[in-house]
Amino acid sequence: MAELLRVEQLRSGYGEAVVVQGIDLSLERGQSLALLGRNGTGKTTLMNSLVGVTRRHAGRIFLGGQDITALAPHQRAAAGIGWVPQERNIFKSLTVDENLSAVARPGAWTVQRAYEMFPRLAERKSNMGNQLSGGEQQMLAVARALVLNPKLLLLDEPLEGLAPIIVEELLRSIARVVRDEGMSAIIVEQNPRMILPITHQAVVLDRGTVVHRGDSAALLADPSQLDRWLAVARA
């Protein structure tokens, strides 16, 4: 497979504070990666750095062979990065349909296909963003990223704070996108047992550096490694 994303010796953070240090990372087209680590280890900062909303102190980022290091966030989006941040950032003063149609780009993921993926959104297409439940807002955030037809989908804790039934529904949808349809993705999730079964590769961060990288299935099958880096072996 061809390489889609390459990160070389990335050091970034906020202002003078460096949070991620010397990160090397690569992802092939059609592959998905679980980005794991305890709270405060730099996962969200790394995702934000890929999007371009942190301060870069060193290193380079390539997407599809293009050096996007110096590009602004909107230029990185145009280059093919789709982002679902923890805050969701939907347009709460627009309807569901307007949220999707306002950003949709030509490609396999149309607004209609997003509705097929998330029937709840189809039922609420005329509702304003602020009239949706938290789970529905998260579905809308994911759908909005999909209709951008990105080369790389970034999901930052997409299951956080959601009711169990919504978690199951959203996880099935994410699994379909990344495993069945081959969307390249990086997914941050606090519960590794949820996300490792649907991703190909896993990277664990600790104190802003990569401390483990390898096959997701192998990490899931190794309780000692899960306990060492994530303290979840008996969870």
Foldseek 3Di string as FASTA:
>chain_A
DAWFKWKAQWWWAADPDTQAGGETDTDRFLFEEEEEFDPSQCPLVVVCVLLPPIGTPDIWMDGRNHTCNPPHNVVSLVVFEQEQAPVLPFQQAAFLQCSQVVQADDDDQDLVVLCVLPVVCVVRRRPGNVVDDPLVSLSSSVSNSVRSVGQEYEAEASPPPDDPVSSVSVLVSVLCVRPVVRRYYYYYHLDLVSPLVSGAKYFYGGRNYTPDIDGSVVCVVDLVNCCVGRNVSPD
